[in-house]
Amino acid sequence: MPKLKSHKGLLKRIKISGKGKVKFRKSRNGHLRSNKTGDQVRSYRKKGVAKRGDITRLEKMLHRPLLPAE
């Protein structure tokens, strides 16, 4: 049986930590920041971590076990 390939488009957009958590860049941060609050803009700087509801889908796309955010 051949090896299973990871989803290359997903791998370009995420980083998997050593423990298996999935980190990604938050959306809504590209432009048009003047109508957003300072708290919103500052929160976009931090990396997002995948929650439990997304982990099942991500595991199927990457063919490896992952951990949800706590």
PDB file of N, CA and C in Angstrom:
ATOM      1  N   MET A   1       0.843  -1.184   0.000  1.00  0.00           N
ATOM      2  CA  MET A   1       0.000   0.000   0.000  1.00  0.00           C
ATOM      3  C   MET A   1       0.889   1.247   0.000  1.00  0.00           C
ATOM      4  N   PRO A   2       0.584   2.245  -0.838  1.00  0.00           N
ATOM      5  CA  PRO A   2       1.440   3.428  -0.899  1.00  0.00           C
ATOM      6  C   PRO A   2       1.301   4.305   0.338  1.00  0.00           C
ATOM      7  N   LYS A   3       2.277   5.186   0.525  1.00  0.00           N
ATOM      8  CA  LYS A   3       2.239   6.113   1.650  1.00  0.00           C
ATOM      9  C   LYS A   3       1.131   7.136   1.437  1.00  0.00           C
ATOM     10  N   LEU A   4       0.551   7.616   2.524  1.00  0.00           N
ATOM     11  CA  LEU A   4      -0.470   8.655   2.450  1.00  0.00           C
ATOM     12  C   LEU A   4       0.218  10.014   2.422  1.00  0.00           C
ATOM     13  N   LYS A   5      -0.245  10.894   1.537  1.00  0.00           N
ATOM     14  CA  LYS A   5       0.374  12.206   1.400  1.00  0.00           C
ATOM     15  C   LYS A   5      -0.367  13.236   2.242  1.00  0.00           C
ATOM     16  N   SER A   6       0.390  14.117   2.879  1.00  0.00           N
ATOM     17  CA  SER A   6      -0.198  15.224   3.631  1.00  0.00           C
ATOM     18  C   SER A   6      -0.709  16.274   2.663  1.00  0.00           C
ATOM     19  N   HIS A   7      -1.685  17.054   3.093  1.00  0.00           N
ATOM     20  CA  HIS A   7      -2.265  18.114   2.272  1.00  0.00           C
ATOM     21  C   HIS A   7      -1.267  19.264   2.198  1.00  0.00           C
ATOM     22  N   LYS A   8      -0.676  19.483   1.025  1.00  0.00           N
ATOM     23  CA  LYS A   8       0.410  20.450   0.880  1.00  0.00           C
ATOM     24  C   LYS A   8      -0.063  21.890   1.088  1.00  0.00           C
ATOM     25  N   GLY A   9      -1.286  22.207   0.673  1.00  0.00           N
ATOM     26  CA  GLY A   9      -1.800  23.555   0.880  1.00  0.00           C
ATOM     27  C   GLY A   9      -1.958  23.877   2.346  1.00  0.00           C
ATOM     28  N   LEU A  10      -2.360  22.887   3.128  1.00  0.00           N
ATOM     29  CA  LEU A  10      -2.504  23.086   4.566  1.00  0.00           C
ATOM     30  C   LEU A  10      -1.142  23.236   5.234  1.00  0.00           C
ATOM     31  N   LEU A  11      -0.181  22.439   4.817  1.00  0.00           N
ATOM     32  CA  LEU A  11       1.151  22.501   5.422  1.00  0.00           C
ATOM     33  C   LEU A  11       1.815  23.859   5.223  1.00  0.00           C
ATOM     34  N   LYS A  12       1.459  24.570   4.141  1.00  0.00           N
ATOM     35  CA  LYS A  12       2.034  25.885   3.894  1.00  0.00           C
ATOM     36  C   LYS A  12       1.436  26.950   4.806  1.00  0.00           C
ATOM     37  N   ARG A  13       0.288  26.676   5.417  1.00  0.00           N
ATOM     38  CA  ARG A  13      -0.424  27.673   6.208  1.00  0.00           C
ATOM     39  C   ARG A  13      -0.358  27.448   7.709  1.00  0.00           C
ATOM     40  N   ILE A  14       0.178  26.314   8.154  1.00  0.00           N
ATOM     41  CA  ILE A  14       0.217  26.011   9.582  1.00  0.00           C
ATOM     42  C   ILE A  14       1.635  25.643  10.003  1.00  0.00           C
ATOM     43  N   LYS A  15       1.814  25.600  11.329  1.00  0.00           N
ATOM     44  CA  LYS A  15       3.049  25.079  11.908  1.00  0.00           C
ATOM     45  C   LYS A  15       2.642  24.117  13.001  1.00  0.00           C
ATOM     46  N   ILE A  16       3.220  22.937  13.016  1.00  0.00           N
ATOM     47  CA  ILE A  16       2.904  21.935  14.028  1.00  0.00           C
ATOM     48  C   ILE A  16       4.004  21.974  15.076  1.00  0.00           C
ATOM     49  N   SER A  17       3.596  22.172  16.338  1.00  0.00           N
ATOM     50  CA  SER A  17       4.565  22.261  17.416  1.00  0.00           C
ATOM     51  C   SER A  17       5.125  20.877  17.736  1.00  0.00           C
ATOM     52  N   GLY A  18       6.094  20.835  18.607  1.00  0.00           N
ATOM     53  CA  GLY A  18       6.713  19.569  18.980  1.00  0.00           C
ATOM     54  C   GLY A  18       5.755  18.607  19.644  1.00  0.00           C
ATOM     55  N   LYS A  19       4.784  19.145  20.382  1.00  0.00           N
ATOM     56  CA  LYS A  19       3.810  18.284  21.055  1.00  0.00           C
ATOM     57  C   LYS A  19       2.641  17.915  20.159  1.00  0.00           C
ATOM     58  N   GLY A  20       2.536  18.542  18.979  1.00  0.00           N
ATOM     59  CA  GLY A  20       1.465  18.199  18.059  1.00  0.00           C
ATOM     60  C   GLY A  20       0.326  19.191  18.011  1.00  0.00           C
ATOM     61  N   LYS A  21       0.527  20.386  18.555  1.00  0.00           N
ATOM     62  CA  LYS A  21      -0.502  21.421  18.441  1.00  0.00           C
ATOM     63  C   LYS A  21      -0.337  22.133  17.105  1.00  0.00           C
ATOM     64  N   VAL A  22      -1.450  22.642  16.572  1.00  0.00           N
ATOM     65  CA  VAL A  22      -1.447  23.289  15.268  1.00  0.00           C
ATOM     66  C   VAL A  22      -1.559  24.794  15.462  1.00  0.00           C
ATOM     67  N   LYS A  23      -0.547  25.546  15.003  1.00  0.00           N
ATOM     68  CA  LYS A  23      -0.561  27.001  15.093  1.00  0.00           C
ATOM     69  C   LYS A  23      -0.748  27.573  13.701  1.00  0.00           C
ATOM     70  N   PHE A  24      -1.466  28.688  13.617  1.00  0.00           N
ATOM     71  CA  PHE A  24      -1.753  29.295  12.325  1.00  0.00           C
ATOM     72  C   PHE A  24      -1.900  30.798  12.486  1.00  0.00           C
ATOM     73  N   ARG A  25      -1.846  31.512  11.376  1.00  0.00           N
ATOM     74  CA  ARG A  25      -2.015  32.959  11.361  1.00  0.00           C
ATOM     75  C   ARG A  25      -3.500  33.277  11.376  1.00  0.00           C
ATOM     76  N   LYS A  26      -3.899  34.216  12.213  1.00  0.00           N
ATOM     77  CA  LYS A  26      -5.309  34.569  12.323  1.00  0.00           C
ATOM     78  C   LYS A  26      -5.778  35.358  11.105  1.00  0.00           C
ATOM     79  N   SER A  27      -7.048  35.210  10.795  1.00  0.00           N
ATOM     80  CA  SER A  27      -7.625  35.907   9.644  1.00  0.00           C
ATOM     81  C   SER A  27      -8.015  37.333  10.028  1.00  0.00           C
ATOM     82  N   ARG A  28      -8.487  38.102   9.060  1.00  0.00           N
ATOM     83  CA  ARG A  28      -8.957  39.485   9.201  1.00  0.00           C
ATOM     84  C   ARG A  28      -7.840  40.463   9.566  1.00  0.00           C
ATOM     85  N   ASN A  29      -6.608  40.150   9.220  1.00  0.00           N
ATOM     86  CA  ASN A  29      -5.494  41.008   9.601  1.00  0.00           C
ATOM     87  C   ASN A  29      -4.744  41.563   8.398  1.00  0.00           C
ATOM     88  N   GLY A  30      -5.258  41.377   7.190  1.00  0.00           N
ATOM     89  CA  GLY A  30      -4.529  41.802   6.013  1.00  0.00           C
ATOM     90  C   GLY A  30      -4.544  43.304   5.792  1.00  0.00           C
ATOM     91  N   HIS A  31      -5.714  43.913   5.888  1.00  0.00           N
ATOM     92  CA  HIS A  31      -5.848  45.345   5.620  1.00  0.00           C
ATOM     93  C   HIS A  31      -7.144  45.824   6.258  1.00  0.00           C
ATOM     94  N   LEU A  32      -7.491  47.110   6.050  1.00  0.00           N
ATOM     95  CA  LEU A  32      -8.697  47.723   6.623  1.00  0.00           C
ATOM     96  C   LEU A  32      -8.710  47.637   8.151  1.00  0.00           C
ATOM     97  N   ARG A  33      -7.621  48.060   8.765  1.00  0.00           N
ATOM     98  CA  ARG A  33      -7.545  47.985  10.226  1.00  0.00           C
ATOM     99  C   ARG A  33      -8.078  49.231  10.925  1.00  0.00           C
ATOM    100  N   SER A  34      -8.368  50.291  10.195  1.00  0.00           N
ATOM    101  CA  SER A  34      -8.763  51.546  10.839  1.00  0.00           C
ATOM    102  C   SER A  34     -10.115  51.433  11.546  1.00  0.00           C
ATOM    103  N   ASN A  35     -10.982  50.537  11.102  1.00  0.00           N
ATOM    104  CA  ASN A  35     -12.280  50.391  11.749  1.00  0.00           C
ATOM    105  C   ASN A  35     -12.281  49.309  12.815  1.00  0.00           C
ATOM    106  N   LYS A  36     -11.111  48.718  13.115  1.00  0.00           N
ATOM    107  CA  LYS A  36     -11.019  47.693  14.159  1.00  0.00           C
ATOM    108  C   LYS A  36     -10.445  48.330  15.425  1.00  0.00           C
ATOM    109  N   THR A  37     -10.820  47.766  16.557  1.00  0.00           N
ATOM    110  CA  THR A  37     -10.318  48.294  17.822  1.00  0.00           C
ATOM    111  C   THR A  37      -8.861  47.866  18.011  1.00  0.00           C
ATOM    112  N   GLY A  38      -8.174  48.576  18.901  1.00  0.00           N
ATOM    113  CA  GLY A  38      -6.787  48.234  19.189  1.00  0.00           C
ATOM    114  C   GLY A  38      -6.652  46.841  19.765  1.00  0.00           C
ATOM    115  N   ASP A  39      -7.628  46.425  20.588  1.00  0.00           N
ATOM    116  CA  ASP A  39      -7.593  45.072  21.155  1.00  0.00           C
ATOM    117  C   ASP A  39      -7.667  44.027  20.056  1.00  0.00           C
ATOM    118  N   GLN A  40      -8.503  44.273  19.050  1.00  0.00           N
ATOM    119  CA  GLN A  40      -8.620  43.322  17.944  1.00  0.00           C
ATOM    120  C   GLN A  40      -7.303  43.223  17.180  1.00  0.00           C
ATOM    121  N   VAL A  41      -6.734  44.366  16.847  1.00  0.00           N
ATOM    122  CA  VAL A  41      -5.508  44.376  16.054  1.00  0.00           C
ATOM    123  C   VAL A  41      -4.375  43.687  16.812  1.00  0.00           C
ATOM    124  N   ARG A  42      -4.275  43.932  18.111  1.00  0.00           N
ATOM    125  CA  ARG A  42      -3.227  43.284  18.904  1.00  0.00           C
ATOM    126  C   ARG A  42      -3.443  41.782  18.982  1.00  0.00           C
ATOM    127  N   SER A  43      -4.689  41.341  19.051  1.00  0.00           N
ATOM    128  CA  SER A  43      -4.949  39.904  19.150  1.00  0.00           C
ATOM    129  C   SER A  43      -4.609  39.185  17.848  1.00  0.00           C
ATOM    130  N   TYR A  44      -4.677  39.898  16.713  1.00  0.00           N
ATOM    131  CA  TYR A  44      -4.347  39.275  15.438  1.00  0.00           C
ATOM    132  C   TYR A  44      -2.855  38.985  15.318  1.00  0.00           C
ATOM    133  N   ARG A  45      -2.025  39.667  16.105  1.00  0.00           N
ATOM    134  CA  ARG A  45      -0.587  39.435  16.024  1.00  0.00           C
ATOM    135  C   ARG A  45      -0.196  38.068  16.559  1.00  0.00           C
ATOM    136  N   LYS A  46      -0.967  37.569  17.512  1.00  0.00           N
ATOM    137  CA  LYS A  46      -0.657  36.273  18.108  1.00  0.00           C
ATOM    138  C   LYS A  46      -1.066  35.150  17.164  1.00  0.00           C
ATOM    139  N   LYS A  47      -0.381  34.037  17.271  1.00  0.00           N
ATOM    140  CA  LYS A  47      -0.737  32.870  16.488  1.00  0.00           C
ATOM    141  C   LYS A  47      -1.995  32.239  17.071  1.00  0.00           C
ATOM    142  N   GLY A  48      -2.861  31.740  16.208  1.00  0.00           N
ATOM    143  CA  GLY A  48      -4.023  30.994  16.651  1.00  0.00           C
ATOM    144  C   GLY A  48      -3.637  29.545  16.860  1.00  0.00           C
ATOM    145  N   VAL A  49      -4.338  28.847  17.743  1.00  0.00           N
ATOM    146  CA  VAL A  49      -4.103  27.432  17.987  1.00  0.00           C
ATOM    147  C   VAL A  49      -5.406  26.696  17.717  1.00  0.00           C
ATOM    148  N   ALA A  50      -5.327  25.598  16.968  1.00  0.00           N
ATOM    149  CA  ALA A  50      -6.526  24.865  16.561  1.00  0.00           C
ATOM    150  C   ALA A  50      -7.234  24.265  17.764  1.00  0.00           C
ATOM    151  N   LYS A  51      -8.543  24.433  17.803  1.00  0.00           N
ATOM    152  CA  LYS A  51      -9.370  23.918  18.891  1.00  0.00           C
ATOM    153  C   LYS A  51      -9.805  22.475  18.599  1.00  0.00           C
ATOM    154  N   ARG A  52     -10.466  21.883  19.565  1.00  0.00           N
ATOM    155  CA  ARG A  52     -10.860  20.480  19.485  1.00  0.00           C
ATOM    156  C   ARG A  52     -11.749  20.186  18.263  1.00  0.00           C
ATOM    157  N   GLY A  53     -12.637  21.114  17.913  1.00  0.00           N
ATOM    158  CA  GLY A  53     -13.543  20.866  16.798  1.00  0.00           C
ATOM    159  C   GLY A  53     -12.856  20.793  15.448  1.00  0.00           C
ATOM    160  N   ASP A  54     -11.682  21.407  15.319  1.00  0.00           N
ATOM    161  CA  ASP A  54     -10.968  21.383  14.048  1.00  0.00           C
ATOM    162  C   ASP A  54      -9.963  20.245  13.953  1.00  0.00           C
ATOM    163  N   ILE A  55      -9.583  19.683  15.069  1.00  0.00           N
ATOM    164  CA  ILE A  55      -8.494  18.711  15.095  1.00  0.00           C
ATOM    165  C   ILE A  55      -8.818  17.460  14.274  1.00  0.00           C
ATOM    166  N   THR A  56     -10.045  16.969  14.332  1.00  0.00           N
ATOM    167  CA  THR A  56     -10.406  15.752  13.597  1.00  0.00           C
ATOM    168  C   THR A  56     -10.207  15.953  12.098  1.00  0.00           C
ATOM    169  N   ARG A  57     -10.668  17.093  11.594  1.00  0.00           N
ATOM    170  CA  ARG A  57     -10.519  17.384  10.165  1.00  0.00           C
ATOM    171  C   ARG A  57      -9.049  17.534   9.782  1.00  0.00           C
ATOM    172  N   LEU A  58      -8.275  18.205  10.634  1.00  0.00           N
ATOM    173  CA  LEU A  58      -6.856  18.405  10.342  1.00  0.00           C
ATOM    174  C   LEU A  58      -6.080  17.089  10.377  1.00  0.00           C
ATOM    175  N   GLU A  59      -6.443  16.198  11.299  1.00  0.00           N
ATOM    176  CA  GLU A  59      -5.778  14.895  11.379  1.00  0.00           C
ATOM    177  C   GLU A  59      -6.008  14.091  10.108  1.00  0.00           C
ATOM    178  N   LYS A  60      -7.211  14.173   9.550  1.00  0.00           N
ATOM    179  CA  LYS A  60      -7.502  13.453   8.312  1.00  0.00           C
ATOM    180  C   LYS A  60      -6.718  14.021   7.139  1.00  0.00           C
ATOM    181  N   MET A  61      -6.500  15.327   7.142  1.00  0.00           N
ATOM    182  CA  MET A  61      -5.772  15.954   6.042  1.00  0.00           C
ATOM    183  C   MET A  61      -4.268  15.710   6.141  1.00  0.00           C
ATOM    184  N   LEU A  62      -3.762  15.565   7.364  1.00  0.00           N
ATOM    185  CA  LEU A  62      -2.323  15.418   7.562  1.00  0.00           C
ATOM    186  C   LEU A  62      -1.892  13.984   7.845  1.00  0.00           C
ATOM    187  N   HIS A  63      -2.859  13.093   8.134  1.00  0.00           N
ATOM    188  CA  HIS A  63      -2.577  11.679   8.407  1.00  0.00           C
ATOM    189  C   HIS A  63      -1.612  11.506   9.576  1.00  0.00           C
ATOM    190  N   ARG A  64      -1.882  12.256  10.665  1.00  0.00           N
ATOM    191  CA  ARG A  64      -1.072  12.125  11.871  1.00  0.00           C
ATOM    192  C   ARG A  64      -1.874  12.608  13.062  1.00  0.00           C
ATOM    193  N   PRO A  65      -1.588  12.113  14.265  1.00  0.00           N
ATOM    194  CA  PRO A  65      -2.325  12.555  15.456  1.00  0.00           C
ATOM    195  C   PRO A  65      -1.902  13.960  15.867  1.00  0.00           C
ATOM    196  N   LEU A  66      -2.869  14.740  16.363  1.00  0.00           N
ATOM    197  CA  LEU A  66      -2.627  16.119  16.788  1.00  0.00           C
ATOM    198  C   LEU A  66      -3.282  16.349  18.132  1.00  0.00           C
ATOM    199  N   LEU A  67      -2.849  17.399  18.824  1.00  0.00           N
ATOM    200  CA  LEU A  67      -3.428  17.777  20.112  1.00  0.00           C
ATOM    201  C   LEU A  67      -4.230  19.067  19.966  1.00  0.00           C
ATOM    202  N   PRO A  68      -5.393  19.148  20.615  1.00  0.00           N
ATOM    203  CA  PRO A  68      -6.141  20.417  20.598  1.00  0.00           C
ATOM    204  C   PRO A  68      -5.552  21.410  21.574  1.00  0.00           C
ATOM    205  N   ALA A  69      -5.943  22.679  21.432  1.00  0.00           N
ATOM    206  CA  ALA A  69      -5.544  23.715  22.383  1.00  0.00           C
ATOM    207  C   ALA A  69      -6.239  23.457  23.713  1.00  0.00           C
ATOM    208  N   GLU A  70      -5.604  23.818  24.800  1.00  0.00           N
ATOM    209  CA  GLU A  70      -6.195  23.581  26.117  1.00  0.00           C
ATOM    210  C   GLU A  70      -7.202  24.628  26.482  1.00  0.00           C
TER     211      GLU A  70
END
